[in-house]
Amino acid sequence: MSEPIKKQDDVQFIEENGAPVFAVIPIKKYQDLVNHYVPKESDITIPHAVVKANVKGDSMVKAWREYLGLTQEELAARAGMTQPAIAKLEKSDANLRRKTLEKLAVAMDLVLEQLEE
């Protein structure tokens, strides 16, 4: 048996045949939910093009950057780094620190696990 729906003043429920099918919430609540969403491992995906580039020898950073259509300069600006730093980080033999990977993941709107080799 399902839990009863708790009514909230700022949430509107849309029902069909007497059962709730949609909830309309204020944009602030929606943004909070999206911004605090932590994907489960099963939600994390890597596009085939990124995997293919990585298998051919590109680092995950370079493969993702190119997949997203970003230049090194654009990624550098988003990550608060310089273009030469991005070039070094993209080398296949680069040993990136976790903090650096986290910064790059945020800059590319990814989760850390998508950048890990």
PDB file of N, CA and C in Angstrom:
ATOM      1  N   MET A   1       0.843  -1.181   0.000  1.00  0.00           N
ATOM      2  CA  MET A   1       0.000   0.000   0.000  1.00  0.00           C
ATOM      3  C   MET A   1       0.886   1.241   0.000  1.00  0.00           C
ATOM      4  N   SER A   2       0.546   2.224  -0.813  1.00  0.00           N
ATOM      5  CA  SER A   2       1.384   3.409  -0.905  1.00  0.00           C
ATOM      6  C   SER A   2       1.114   4.375   0.239  1.00  0.00           C
ATOM      7  N   GLU A   3       2.124   5.218   0.479  1.00  0.00           N
ATOM      8  CA  GLU A   3       2.022   6.221   1.533  1.00  0.00           C
ATOM      9  C   GLU A   3       0.983   7.268   1.137  1.00  0.00           C
ATOM     10  N   PRO A   4       0.242   7.822   2.103  1.00  0.00           N
ATOM     11  CA  PRO A   4      -0.679   8.906   1.763  1.00  0.00           C
ATOM     12  C   PRO A   4       0.111  10.147   1.353  1.00  0.00           C
ATOM     13  N   ILE A   5      -0.441  10.907   0.462  1.00  0.00           N
ATOM     14  CA  ILE A   5       0.219  12.125  -0.012  1.00  0.00           C
ATOM     15  C   ILE A   5       0.020  13.221   1.018  1.00  0.00           C
ATOM     16  N   LYS A   6       1.110  13.852   1.390  1.00  0.00           N
ATOM     17  CA  LYS A   6       1.048  14.954   2.336  1.00  0.00           C
ATOM     18  C   LYS A   6       0.852  16.243   1.549  1.00  0.00           C
ATOM     19  N   LYS A   7      -0.179  16.961   1.838  1.00  0.00           N
ATOM     20  CA  LYS A   7      -0.450  18.227   1.157  1.00  0.00           C
ATOM     21  C   LYS A   7       0.505  19.297   1.679  1.00  0.00           C
ATOM     22  N   GLN A   8       1.012  20.075   0.779  1.00  0.00           N
ATOM     23  CA  GLN A   8       1.861  21.203   1.137  1.00  0.00           C
ATOM     24  C   GLN A   8       1.266  22.438   0.484  1.00  0.00           C
ATOM     25  N   ASP A   9       1.359  23.562   1.162  1.00  0.00           N
ATOM     26  CA  ASP A   9       0.743  24.785   0.662  1.00  0.00           C
ATOM     27  C   ASP A   9       1.324  25.226  -0.681  1.00  0.00           C
ATOM     28  N   ASP A  10       2.608  24.981  -0.919  1.00  0.00           N
ATOM     29  CA  ASP A  10       3.235  25.479  -2.134  1.00  0.00           C
ATOM     30  C   ASP A  10       3.380  24.427  -3.230  1.00  0.00           C
ATOM     31  N   VAL A  11       2.713  23.282  -3.076  1.00  0.00           N
ATOM     32  CA  VAL A  11       2.742  22.223  -4.086  1.00  0.00           C
ATOM     33  C   VAL A  11       1.321  21.965  -4.557  1.00  0.00           C
ATOM     34  N   GLN A  12       1.162  21.894  -5.867  1.00  0.00           N
ATOM     35  CA  GLN A  12      -0.148  21.595  -6.432  1.00  0.00           C
ATOM     36  C   GLN A  12      -0.095  20.206  -7.061  1.00  0.00           C
ATOM     37  N   PHE A  13      -1.050  19.345  -6.699  1.00  0.00           N
ATOM     38  CA  PHE A  13      -1.104  18.001  -7.253  1.00  0.00           C
ATOM     39  C   PHE A  13      -2.168  17.958  -8.341  1.00  0.00           C
ATOM     40  N   ILE A  14      -1.828  17.325  -9.443  1.00  0.00           N
ATOM     41  CA  ILE A  14      -2.777  17.141 -10.531  1.00  0.00           C
ATOM     42  C   ILE A  14      -3.157  15.669 -10.534  1.00  0.00           C
ATOM     43  N   GLU A  15      -4.450  15.438 -10.477  1.00  0.00           N
ATOM     44  CA  GLU A  15      -4.934  14.075 -10.365  1.00  0.00           C
ATOM     45  C   GLU A  15      -5.613  13.610 -11.644  1.00  0.00           C
ATOM     46  N   GLU A  16      -5.573  12.288 -11.809  1.00  0.00           N
ATOM     47  CA  GLU A  16      -6.273  11.648 -12.920  1.00  0.00           C
ATOM     48  C   GLU A  16      -7.001  10.452 -12.337  1.00  0.00           C
ATOM     49  N   ASN A  17      -8.295  10.399 -12.533  1.00  0.00           N
ATOM     50  CA  ASN A  17      -9.126   9.328 -11.960  1.00  0.00           C
ATOM     51  C   ASN A  17      -8.938   9.242 -10.447  1.00  0.00           C
ATOM     52  N   GLY A  18      -8.813  10.387  -9.808  1.00  0.00           N
ATOM     53  CA  GLY A  18      -8.700  10.429  -8.362  1.00  0.00           C
ATOM     54  C   GLY A  18      -7.324  10.130  -7.794  1.00  0.00           C
ATOM     55  N   ALA A  19      -6.341   9.851  -8.665  1.00  0.00           N
ATOM     56  CA  ALA A  19      -4.983   9.537  -8.196  1.00  0.00           C
ATOM     57  C   ALA A  19      -4.011  10.620  -8.668  1.00  0.00           C
ATOM     58  N   PRO A  20      -3.088  11.029  -7.811  1.00  0.00           N
ATOM     59  CA  PRO A  20      -2.123  12.049  -8.224  1.00  0.00           C
ATOM     60  C   PRO A  20      -1.182  11.508  -9.297  1.00  0.00           C
ATOM     61  N   VAL A  21      -0.984  12.305 -10.360  1.00  0.00           N
ATOM     62  CA  VAL A  21      -0.080  11.902 -11.442  1.00  0.00           C
ATOM     63  C   VAL A  21       1.029  12.930 -11.674  1.00  0.00           C
ATOM     64  N   PHE A  22       0.826  14.150 -11.233  1.00  0.00           N
ATOM     65  CA  PHE A  22       1.834  15.197 -11.368  1.00  0.00           C
ATOM     66  C   PHE A  22       1.842  16.059 -10.109  1.00  0.00           C
ATOM     67  N   ALA A  23       2.994  16.639  -9.831  1.00  0.00           N
ATOM     68  CA  ALA A  23       3.101  17.621  -8.759  1.00  0.00           C
ATOM     69  C   ALA A  23       3.735  18.870  -9.354  1.00  0.00           C
ATOM     70  N   VAL A  24       3.111  19.993  -9.159  1.00  0.00           N
ATOM     71  CA  VAL A  24       3.643  21.271  -9.618  1.00  0.00           C
ATOM     72  C   VAL A  24       4.268  21.932  -8.403  1.00  0.00           C
ATOM     73  N   ILE A  25       5.560  22.240  -8.516  1.00  0.00           N
ATOM     74  CA  ILE A  25       6.283  22.819  -7.380  1.00  0.00           C
ATOM     75  C   ILE A  25       6.885  24.156  -7.776  1.00  0.00           C
ATOM     76  N   PRO A  26       7.139  25.022  -6.813  1.00  0.00           N
ATOM     77  CA  PRO A  26       7.779  26.294  -7.117  1.00  0.00           C
ATOM     78  C   PRO A  26       9.169  26.070  -7.733  1.00  0.00           C
ATOM     79  N   ILE A  27       9.555  26.955  -8.621  1.00  0.00           N
ATOM     80  CA  ILE A  27      10.833  26.822  -9.329  1.00  0.00           C
ATOM     81  C   ILE A  27      12.003  26.742  -8.354  1.00  0.00           C
ATOM     82  N   LYS A  28      11.960  27.461  -7.252  1.00  0.00           N
ATOM     83  CA  LYS A  28      13.044  27.421  -6.262  1.00  0.00           C
ATOM     84  C   LYS A  28      13.215  26.009  -5.701  1.00  0.00           C
ATOM     85  N   LYS A  29      12.095  25.355  -5.391  1.00  0.00           N
ATOM     86  CA  LYS A  29      12.177  23.979  -4.886  1.00  0.00           C
ATOM     87  C   LYS A  29      12.751  23.055  -5.957  1.00  0.00           C
ATOM     88  N   TYR A  30      12.303  23.244  -7.192  1.00  0.00           N
ATOM     89  CA  TYR A  30      12.804  22.427  -8.298  1.00  0.00           C
ATOM     90  C   TYR A  30      14.313  22.602  -8.453  1.00  0.00           C
ATOM     91  N   GLN A  31      14.774  23.855  -8.452  1.00  0.00           N
ATOM     92  CA  GLN A  31      16.207  24.126  -8.598  1.00  0.00           C
ATOM     93  C   GLN A  31      16.999  23.519  -7.446  1.00  0.00           C
ATOM     94  N   ASP A  32      16.482  23.596  -6.243  1.00  0.00           N
ATOM     95  CA  ASP A  32      17.150  22.980  -5.091  1.00  0.00           C
ATOM     96  C   ASP A  32      17.264  21.470  -5.280  1.00  0.00           C
ATOM     97  N   LEU A  33      16.187  20.845  -5.747  1.00  0.00           N
ATOM     98  CA  LEU A  33      16.218  19.397  -5.980  1.00  0.00           C
ATOM     99  C   LEU A  33      17.257  19.031  -7.036  1.00  0.00           C
ATOM    100  N   VAL A  34      17.269  19.767  -8.128  1.00  0.00           N
ATOM    101  CA  VAL A  34      18.207  19.481  -9.215  1.00  0.00           C
ATOM    102  C   VAL A  34      19.644  19.725  -8.767  1.00  0.00           C
ATOM    103  N   ASN A  35      19.872  20.814  -8.068  1.00  0.00           N
ATOM    104  CA  ASN A  35      21.234  21.162  -7.651  1.00  0.00           C
ATOM    105  C   ASN A  35      21.785  20.233  -6.580  1.00  0.00           C
ATOM    106  N   HIS A  36      20.921  19.566  -5.847  1.00  0.00           N
ATOM    107  CA  HIS A  36      21.378  18.670  -4.785  1.00  0.00           C
ATOM    108  C   HIS A  36      21.233  17.202  -5.158  1.00  0.00           C
ATOM    109  N   TYR A  37      20.871  16.953  -6.409  1.00  0.00           N
ATOM    110  CA  TYR A  37      20.716  15.570  -6.869  1.00  0.00           C
ATOM    111  C   TYR A  37      22.080  14.905  -6.960  1.00  0.00           C
ATOM    112  N   VAL A  38      22.194  13.764  -6.344  1.00  0.00           N
ATOM    113  CA  VAL A  38      23.425  12.978  -6.425  1.00  0.00           C
ATOM    114  C   VAL A  38      23.095  11.724  -7.225  1.00  0.00           C
ATOM    115  N   PRO A  39      23.672  11.626  -8.428  1.00  0.00           N
ATOM    116  CA  PRO A  39      23.318  10.467  -9.245  1.00  0.00           C
ATOM    117  C   PRO A  39      23.799   9.161  -8.644  1.00  0.00           C
ATOM    118  N   LYS A  40      22.984   8.133  -8.829  1.00  0.00           N
ATOM    119  CA  LYS A  40      23.392   6.796  -8.426  1.00  0.00           C
ATOM    120  C   LYS A  40      24.379   6.292  -9.473  1.00  0.00           C
ATOM    121  N   GLU A  41      25.166   5.317  -9.115  1.00  0.00           N
ATOM    122  CA  GLU A  41      26.154   4.774 -10.042  1.00  0.00           C
ATOM    123  C   GLU A  41      25.496   4.332 -11.348  1.00  0.00           C
ATOM    124  N   SER A  42      24.293   3.790 -11.259  1.00  0.00           N
ATOM    125  CA  SER A  42      23.600   3.318 -12.464  1.00  0.00           C
ATOM    126  C   SER A  42      23.137   4.463 -13.362  1.00  0.00           C
ATOM    127  N   ASP A  43      23.104   5.701 -12.834  1.00  0.00           N
ATOM    128  CA  ASP A  43      22.705   6.864 -13.625  1.00  0.00           C
ATOM    129  C   ASP A  43      23.869   7.459 -14.411  1.00  0.00           C
ATOM    130  N   ILE A  44      25.082   7.083 -14.080  1.00  0.00           N
ATOM    131  CA  ILE A  44      26.269   7.684 -14.681  1.00  0.00           C
ATOM    132  C   ILE A  44      26.560   7.004 -16.010  1.00  0.00           C
ATOM    133  N   THR A  45      26.574   7.803 -17.054  1.00  0.00           N
ATOM    134  CA  THR A  45      26.830   7.261 -18.384  1.00  0.00           C
ATOM    135  C   THR A  45      27.976   8.011 -19.055  1.00  0.00           C
ATOM    136  N   ILE A  46      28.566   7.358 -20.026  1.00  0.00           N
ATOM    137  CA  ILE A  46      29.622   7.967 -20.831  1.00  0.00           C
ATOM    138  C   ILE A  46      29.273   7.681 -22.283  1.00  0.00           C
ATOM    139  N   PRO A  47      29.126   8.717 -23.102  1.00  0.00           N
ATOM    140  CA  PRO A  47      28.763   8.504 -24.500  1.00  0.00           C
ATOM    141  C   PRO A  47      29.804   7.666 -25.242  1.00  0.00           C
ATOM    142  N   HIS A  48      29.325   6.941 -26.244  1.00  0.00           N
ATOM    143  CA  HIS A  48      30.198   6.076 -27.040  1.00  0.00           C
ATOM    144  C   HIS A  48      31.370   6.858 -27.627  1.00  0.00           C
ATOM    145  N   ALA A  49      31.121   8.067 -28.112  1.00  0.00           N
ATOM    146  CA  ALA A  49      32.191   8.869 -28.722  1.00  0.00           C
ATOM    147  C   ALA A  49      33.306   9.168 -27.719  1.00  0.00           C
ATOM    148  N   VAL A  50      32.959   9.376 -26.469  1.00  0.00           N
ATOM    149  CA  VAL A  50      33.962   9.651 -25.434  1.00  0.00           C
ATOM    150  C   VAL A  50      34.765   8.389 -25.150  1.00  0.00           C
ATOM    151  N   VAL A  51      34.079   7.272 -25.024  1.00  0.00           N
ATOM    152  CA  VAL A  51      34.760   5.994 -24.773  1.00  0.00           C
ATOM    153  C   VAL A  51      35.693   5.669 -25.942  1.00  0.00           C
ATOM    154  N   LYS A  52      35.207   5.849 -27.154  1.00  0.00           N
ATOM    155  CA  LYS A  52      36.006   5.551 -28.356  1.00  0.00           C
ATOM    156  C   LYS A  52      37.272   6.396 -28.391  1.00  0.00           C
ATOM    157  N   ALA A  53      37.147   7.691 -28.114  1.00  0.00           N
ATOM    158  CA  ALA A  53      38.318   8.577 -28.105  1.00  0.00           C
ATOM    159  C   ALA A  53      39.300   8.151 -27.013  1.00  0.00           C
ATOM    160  N   ASN A  54      38.798   7.750 -25.856  1.00  0.00           N
ATOM    161  CA  ASN A  54      39.649   7.312 -24.760  1.00  0.00           C
ATOM    162  C   ASN A  54      40.378   6.024 -25.119  1.00  0.00           C
ATOM    163  N   VAL A  55      39.679   5.098 -25.737  1.00  0.00           N
ATOM    164  CA  VAL A  55      40.302   3.834 -26.152  1.00  0.00           C
ATOM    165  C   VAL A  55      41.403   4.096 -27.189  1.00  0.00           C
ATOM    166  N   LYS A  56      41.198   5.093 -28.032  1.00  0.00           N
ATOM    167  CA  LYS A  56      42.197   5.424 -29.060  1.00  0.00           C
ATOM    168  C   LYS A  56      43.390   6.190 -28.487  1.00  0.00           C
ATOM    169  N   GLY A  57      43.346   6.544 -27.201  1.00  0.00           N
ATOM    170  CA  GLY A  57      44.498   7.167 -26.571  1.00  0.00           C
ATOM    171  C   GLY A  57      44.288   8.543 -25.977  1.00  0.00           C
ATOM    172  N   ASP A  58      43.149   9.175 -26.242  1.00  0.00           N
ATOM    173  CA  ASP A  58      42.883  10.479 -25.636  1.00  0.00           C
ATOM    174  C   ASP A  58      42.567  10.303 -24.155  1.00  0.00           C
ATOM    175  N   SER A  59      42.958  11.270 -23.353  1.00  0.00           N
ATOM    176  CA  SER A  59      42.571  11.254 -21.941  1.00  0.00           C
ATOM    177  C   SER A  59      41.064  11.503 -21.860  1.00  0.00           C
ATOM    178  N   MET A  60      40.479  11.157 -20.731  1.00  0.00           N
ATOM    179  CA  MET A  60      39.051  11.406 -20.546  1.00  0.00           C
ATOM    180  C   MET A  60      38.757  12.903 -20.576  1.00  0.00           C
ATOM    181  N   VAL A  61      39.671  13.709 -20.060  1.00  0.00           N
ATOM    182  CA  VAL A  61      39.465  15.161 -20.069  1.00  0.00           C
ATOM    183  C   VAL A  61      39.365  15.658 -21.505  1.00  0.00           C
ATOM    184  N   LYS A  62      40.305  15.264 -22.342  1.00  0.00           N
ATOM    185  CA  LYS A  62      40.292  15.697 -23.742  1.00  0.00           C
ATOM    186  C   LYS A  62      39.079  15.130 -24.478  1.00  0.00           C
ATOM    187  N   ALA A  63      38.796  13.854 -24.264  1.00  0.00           N
ATOM    188  CA  ALA A  63      37.662  13.222 -24.941  1.00  0.00           C
ATOM    189  C   ALA A  63      36.354  13.943 -24.605  1.00  0.00           C
ATOM    190  N   TRP A  64      36.136  14.242 -23.329  1.00  0.00           N
ATOM    191  CA  TRP A  64      34.928  14.958 -22.923  1.00  0.00           C
ATOM    192  C   TRP A  64      34.918  16.385 -23.462  1.00  0.00           C
ATOM    193  N   ARG A  65      36.060  17.072 -23.375  1.00  0.00           N
ATOM    194  CA  ARG A  65      36.105  18.457 -23.850  1.00  0.00           C
ATOM    195  C   ARG A  65      35.710  18.525 -25.314  1.00  0.00           C
ATOM    196  N   GLU A  66      36.290  17.646 -26.120  1.00  0.00           N
ATOM    197  CA  GLU A  66      35.973  17.649 -27.541  1.00  0.00           C
ATOM    198  C   GLU A  66      34.529  17.223 -27.792  1.00  0.00           C
ATOM    199  N   TYR A  67      34.054  16.249 -27.047  1.00  0.00           N
ATOM    200  CA  TYR A  67      32.669  15.810 -27.185  1.00  0.00           C
ATOM    201  C   TYR A  67      31.702  16.958 -26.893  1.00  0.00           C
ATOM    202  N   LEU A  68      32.030  17.756 -25.896  1.00  0.00           N
ATOM    203  CA  LEU A  68      31.174  18.883 -25.511  1.00  0.00           C
ATOM    204  C   LEU A  68      31.362  20.103 -26.414  1.00  0.00           C
ATOM    205  N   GLY A  69      32.311  20.023 -27.341  1.00  0.00           N
ATOM    206  CA  GLY A  69      32.534  21.118 -28.281  1.00  0.00           C
ATOM    207  C   GLY A  69      33.228  22.321 -27.675  1.00  0.00           C
ATOM    208  N   LEU A  70      34.034  22.082 -26.654  1.00  0.00           N
ATOM    209  CA  LEU A  70      34.747  23.169 -25.983  1.00  0.00           C
ATOM    210  C   LEU A  70      36.187  23.242 -26.482  1.00  0.00           C
ATOM    211  N   THR A  71      36.718  24.450 -26.561  1.00  0.00           N
ATOM    212  CA  THR A  71      38.142  24.617 -26.830  1.00  0.00           C
ATOM    213  C   THR A  71      38.877  24.534 -25.494  1.00  0.00           C
ATOM    214  N   GLN A  72      40.187  24.383 -25.575  1.00  0.00           N
ATOM    215  CA  GLN A  72      40.974  24.396 -24.336  1.00  0.00           C
ATOM    216  C   GLN A  72      40.813  25.734 -23.624  1.00  0.00           C
ATOM    217  N   GLU A  73      40.736  26.809 -24.381  1.00  0.00           N
ATOM    218  CA  GLU A  73      40.565  28.137 -23.790  1.00  0.00           C
ATOM    219  C   GLU A  73      39.231  28.245 -23.050  1.00  0.00           C
ATOM    220  N   GLU A  74      38.166  27.718 -23.652  1.00  0.00           N
ATOM    221  CA  GLU A  74      36.849  27.781 -23.015  1.00  0.00           C
ATOM    222  C   GLU A  74      36.821  26.949 -21.731  1.00  0.00           C
ATOM    223  N   LEU A  75      37.391  25.748 -21.785  1.00  0.00           N
ATOM    224  CA  LEU A  75      37.433  24.919 -20.585  1.00  0.00           C
ATOM    225  C   LEU A  75      38.281  25.581 -19.508  1.00  0.00           C
ATOM    226  N   ALA A  76      39.392  26.161 -19.915  1.00  0.00           N
ATOM    227  CA  ALA A  76      40.258  26.847 -18.953  1.00  0.00           C
ATOM    228  C   ALA A  76      39.499  27.977 -18.250  1.00  0.00           C
ATOM    229  N   ALA A  77      38.759  28.747 -19.002  1.00  0.00           N
ATOM    230  CA  ALA A  77      37.996  29.859 -18.425  1.00  0.00           C
ATOM    231  C   ALA A  77      36.944  29.339 -17.442  1.00  0.00           C
ATOM    232  N   ARG A  78      36.256  28.280 -17.819  1.00  0.00           N
ATOM    233  CA  ARG A  78      35.231  27.704 -16.938  1.00  0.00           C
ATOM    234  C   ARG A  78      35.832  27.143 -15.654  1.00  0.00           C
ATOM    235  N   ALA A  79      37.033  26.580 -15.770  1.00  0.00           N
ATOM    236  CA  ALA A  79      37.667  25.922 -14.620  1.00  0.00           C
ATOM    237  C   ALA A  79      38.564  26.861 -13.819  1.00  0.00           C
ATOM    238  N   GLY A  80      38.740  28.080 -14.295  1.00  0.00           N
ATOM    239  CA  GLY A  80      39.618  29.012 -13.589  1.00  0.00           C
ATOM    240  C   GLY A  80      41.078  28.628 -13.731  1.00  0.00           C
ATOM    241  N   MET A  81      41.438  28.125 -14.896  1.00  0.00           N
ATOM    242  CA  MET A  81      42.812  27.692 -15.174  1.00  0.00           C
ATOM    243  C   MET A  81      43.311  28.396 -16.427  1.00  0.00           C
ATOM    244  N   THR A  82      44.513  28.090 -16.816  1.00  0.00           N
ATOM    245  CA  THR A  82      45.051  28.631 -18.058  1.00  0.00           C
ATOM    246  C   THR A  82      44.962  27.567 -19.146  1.00  0.00           C
ATOM    247  N   GLN A  83      45.014  28.001 -20.398  1.00  0.00           N
ATOM    248  CA  GLN A  83      44.980  27.054 -21.514  1.00  0.00           C
ATOM    249  C   GLN A  83      46.174  26.115 -21.480  1.00  0.00           C
ATOM    250  N   PRO A  84      47.417  26.600 -21.203  1.00  0.00           N
ATOM    251  CA  PRO A  84      48.534  25.663 -21.125  1.00  0.00           C
ATOM    252  C   PRO A  84      48.353  24.602 -20.028  1.00  0.00           C
ATOM    253  N   ALA A  85      47.696  24.973 -18.927  1.00  0.00           N
ATOM    254  CA  ALA A  85      47.442  23.997 -17.865  1.00  0.00           C
ATOM    255  C   ALA A  85      46.490  22.916 -18.363  1.00  0.00           C
ATOM    256  N   ILE A  86      45.467  23.314 -19.096  1.00  0.00           N
ATOM    257  CA  ILE A  86      44.524  22.334 -19.655  1.00  0.00           C
ATOM    258  C   ILE A  86      45.256  21.415 -20.623  1.00  0.00           C
ATOM    259  N   ALA A  87      46.124  21.970 -21.449  1.00  0.00           N
ATOM    260  CA  ALA A  87      46.884  21.160 -22.404  1.00  0.00           C
ATOM    261  C   ALA A  87      47.696  20.087 -21.672  1.00  0.00           C
ATOM    262  N   LYS A  88      48.321  20.462 -20.562  1.00  0.00           N
ATOM    263  CA  LYS A  88      49.098  19.489 -19.780  1.00  0.00           C
ATOM    264  C   LYS A  88      48.201  18.422 -19.162  1.00  0.00           C
ATOM    265  N   LEU A  89      47.038  18.844 -18.659  1.00  0.00           N
ATOM    266  CA  LEU A  89      46.116  17.913 -18.012  1.00  0.00           C
ATOM    267  C   LEU A  89      45.508  16.925 -19.003  1.00  0.00           C
ATOM    268  N   GLU A  90      45.462  17.311 -20.272  1.00  0.00           N
ATOM    269  CA  GLU A  90      44.875  16.449 -21.298  1.00  0.00           C
ATOM    270  C   GLU A  90      45.827  15.372 -21.796  1.00  0.00           C
ATOM    271  N   LYS A  91      47.075  15.456 -21.445  1.00  0.00           N
ATOM    272  CA  LYS A  91      48.016  14.437 -21.897  1.00  0.00           C
ATOM    273  C   LYS A  91      47.616  13.092 -21.302  1.00  0.00           C
ATOM    274  N   SER A  92      47.757  12.040 -22.097  1.00  0.00           N
ATOM    275  CA  SER A  92      47.301  10.721 -21.659  1.00  0.00           C
ATOM    276  C   SER A  92      48.072  10.190 -20.453  1.00  0.00           C
ATOM    277  N   ASP A  93      49.280  10.698 -20.249  1.00  0.00           N
ATOM    278  CA  ASP A  93      50.070  10.221 -19.106  1.00  0.00           C
ATOM    279  C   ASP A  93      49.993  11.157 -17.896  1.00  0.00           C
ATOM    280  N   ALA A  94      49.105  12.163 -17.965  1.00  0.00           N
ATOM    281  CA  ALA A  94      48.956  13.105 -16.846  1.00  0.00           C
ATOM    282  C   ALA A  94      48.351  12.382 -15.644  1.00  0.00           C
ATOM    283  N   ASN A  95      48.894  12.680 -14.470  1.00  0.00           N
ATOM    284  CA  ASN A  95      48.398  12.096 -13.226  1.00  0.00           C
ATOM    285  C   ASN A  95      47.637  13.195 -12.482  1.00  0.00           C
ATOM    286  N   LEU A  96      46.331  13.250 -12.698  1.00  0.00           N
ATOM    287  CA  LEU A  96      45.529  14.332 -12.145  1.00  0.00           C
ATOM    288  C   LEU A  96      45.111  14.055 -10.715  1.00  0.00           C
ATOM    289  N   ARG A  97      45.178  15.091  -9.893  1.00  0.00           N
ATOM    290  CA  ARG A  97      44.691  14.998  -8.514  1.00  0.00           C
ATOM    291  C   ARG A  97      43.167  14.994  -8.519  1.00  0.00           C
ATOM    292  N   ARG A  98      42.632  14.426  -7.471  1.00  0.00           N
ATOM    293  CA  ARG A  98      41.175  14.364  -7.342  1.00  0.00           C
ATOM    294  C   ARG A  98      40.557  15.766  -7.380  1.00  0.00           C
ATOM    295  N   LYS A  99      41.162  16.721  -6.686  1.00  0.00           N
ATOM    296  CA  LYS A  99      40.638  18.095  -6.654  1.00  0.00           C
ATOM    297  C   LYS A  99      40.594  18.698  -8.058  1.00  0.00           C
ATOM    298  N   THR A 100      41.624  18.406  -8.849  1.00  0.00           N
ATOM    299  CA  THR A 100      41.669  18.915 -10.218  1.00  0.00           C
ATOM    300  C   THR A 100      40.561  18.280 -11.046  1.00  0.00           C
ATOM    301  N   LEU A 101      40.390  16.969 -10.908  1.00  0.00           N
ATOM    302  CA  LEU A 101      39.306  16.281 -11.624  1.00  0.00           C
ATOM    303  C   LEU A 101      37.940  16.833 -11.219  1.00  0.00           C
ATOM    304  N   GLU A 102      37.775  17.104  -9.937  1.00  0.00           N
ATOM    305  CA  GLU A 102      36.502  17.656  -9.461  1.00  0.00           C
ATOM    306  C   GLU A 102      36.245  19.029 -10.092  1.00  0.00           C
ATOM    307  N   LYS A 103      37.265  19.853 -10.156  1.00  0.00           N
ATOM    308  CA  LYS A 103      37.146  21.185 -10.746  1.00  0.00           C
ATOM    309  C   LYS A 103      36.775  21.085 -12.229  1.00  0.00           C
ATOM    310  N   LEU A 104      37.419  20.157 -12.938  1.00  0.00           N
ATOM    311  CA  LEU A 104      37.129  19.970 -14.355  1.00  0.00           C
ATOM    312  C   LEU A 104      35.725  19.393 -14.562  1.00  0.00           C
ATOM    313  N   ALA A 105      35.314  18.494 -13.687  1.00  0.00           N
ATOM    314  CA  ALA A 105      33.969  17.923 -13.787  1.00  0.00           C
ATOM    315  C   ALA A 105      32.917  19.021 -13.648  1.00  0.00           C
ATOM    316  N   VAL A 106      33.090  19.887 -12.678  1.00  0.00           N
ATOM    317  CA  VAL A 106      32.147  20.999 -12.493  1.00  0.00           C
ATOM    318  C   VAL A 106      32.151  21.899 -13.723  1.00  0.00           C
ATOM    319  N   ALA A 107      33.329  22.190 -14.245  1.00  0.00           N
ATOM    320  CA  ALA A 107      33.453  23.074 -15.409  1.00  0.00           C
ATOM    321  C   ALA A 107      32.763  22.495 -16.644  1.00  0.00           C
ATOM    322  N   MET A 108      32.702  21.162 -16.727  1.00  0.00           N
ATOM    323  CA  MET A 108      32.068  20.523 -17.884  1.00  0.00           C
ATOM    324  C   MET A 108      30.671  19.991 -17.567  1.00  0.00           C
ATOM    325  N   ASP A 109      30.173  20.299 -16.367  1.00  0.00           N
ATOM    326  CA  ASP A 109      28.853  19.860 -15.922  1.00  0.00           C
ATOM    327  C   ASP A 109      28.748  18.336 -15.947  1.00  0.00           C
ATOM    328  N   LEU A 110      29.772  17.683 -15.420  1.00  0.00           N
ATOM    329  CA  LEU A 110      29.832  16.227 -15.321  1.00  0.00           C
ATOM    330  C   LEU A 110      29.925  15.839 -13.856  1.00  0.00           C
ATOM    331  N   VAL A 111      29.832  14.548 -13.598  1.00  0.00           N
ATOM    332  CA  VAL A 111      30.139  14.036 -12.262  1.00  0.00           C
ATOM    333  C   VAL A 111      31.542  13.458 -12.319  1.00  0.00           C
ATOM    334  N   LEU A 112      32.212  13.454 -11.201  1.00  0.00           N
ATOM    335  CA  LEU A 112      33.599  13.028 -11.128  1.00  0.00           C
ATOM    336  C   LEU A 112      33.833  11.678 -11.802  1.00  0.00           C
ATOM    337  N   GLU A 113      32.940  10.741 -11.576  1.00  0.00           N
ATOM    338  CA  GLU A 113      33.111   9.380 -12.107  1.00  0.00           C
ATOM    339  C   GLU A 113      33.169   9.356 -13.635  1.00  0.00           C
ATOM    340  N   GLN A 114      32.599  10.353 -14.296  1.00  0.00           N
ATOM    341  CA  GLN A 114      32.646  10.398 -15.748  1.00  0.00           C
ATOM    342  C   GLN A 114      34.026  10.785 -16.276  1.00  0.00           C
ATOM    343  N   LEU A 115      34.865  11.348 -15.429  1.00  0.00           N
ATOM    344  CA  LEU A 115      36.216  11.746 -15.848  1.00  0.00           C
ATOM    345  C   LEU A 115      37.285  10.762 -15.425  1.00  0.00           C
ATOM    346  N   GLU A 116      36.950   9.861 -14.559  1.00  0.00           N
ATOM    347  CA  GLU A 116      37.956   8.924 -14.062  1.00  0.00           C
ATOM    348  C   GLU A 116      38.300   7.891 -15.134  1.00  0.00           C
ATOM    349  N   GLU A 117      39.588   7.632 -15.271  1.00  0.00           N
ATOM    350  CA  GLU A 117      40.076   6.684 -16.295  1.00  0.00           C
ATOM    351  C   GLU A 117      39.722   5.263 -15.915  1.00  0.00           C
TER     352      GLU A 117
END
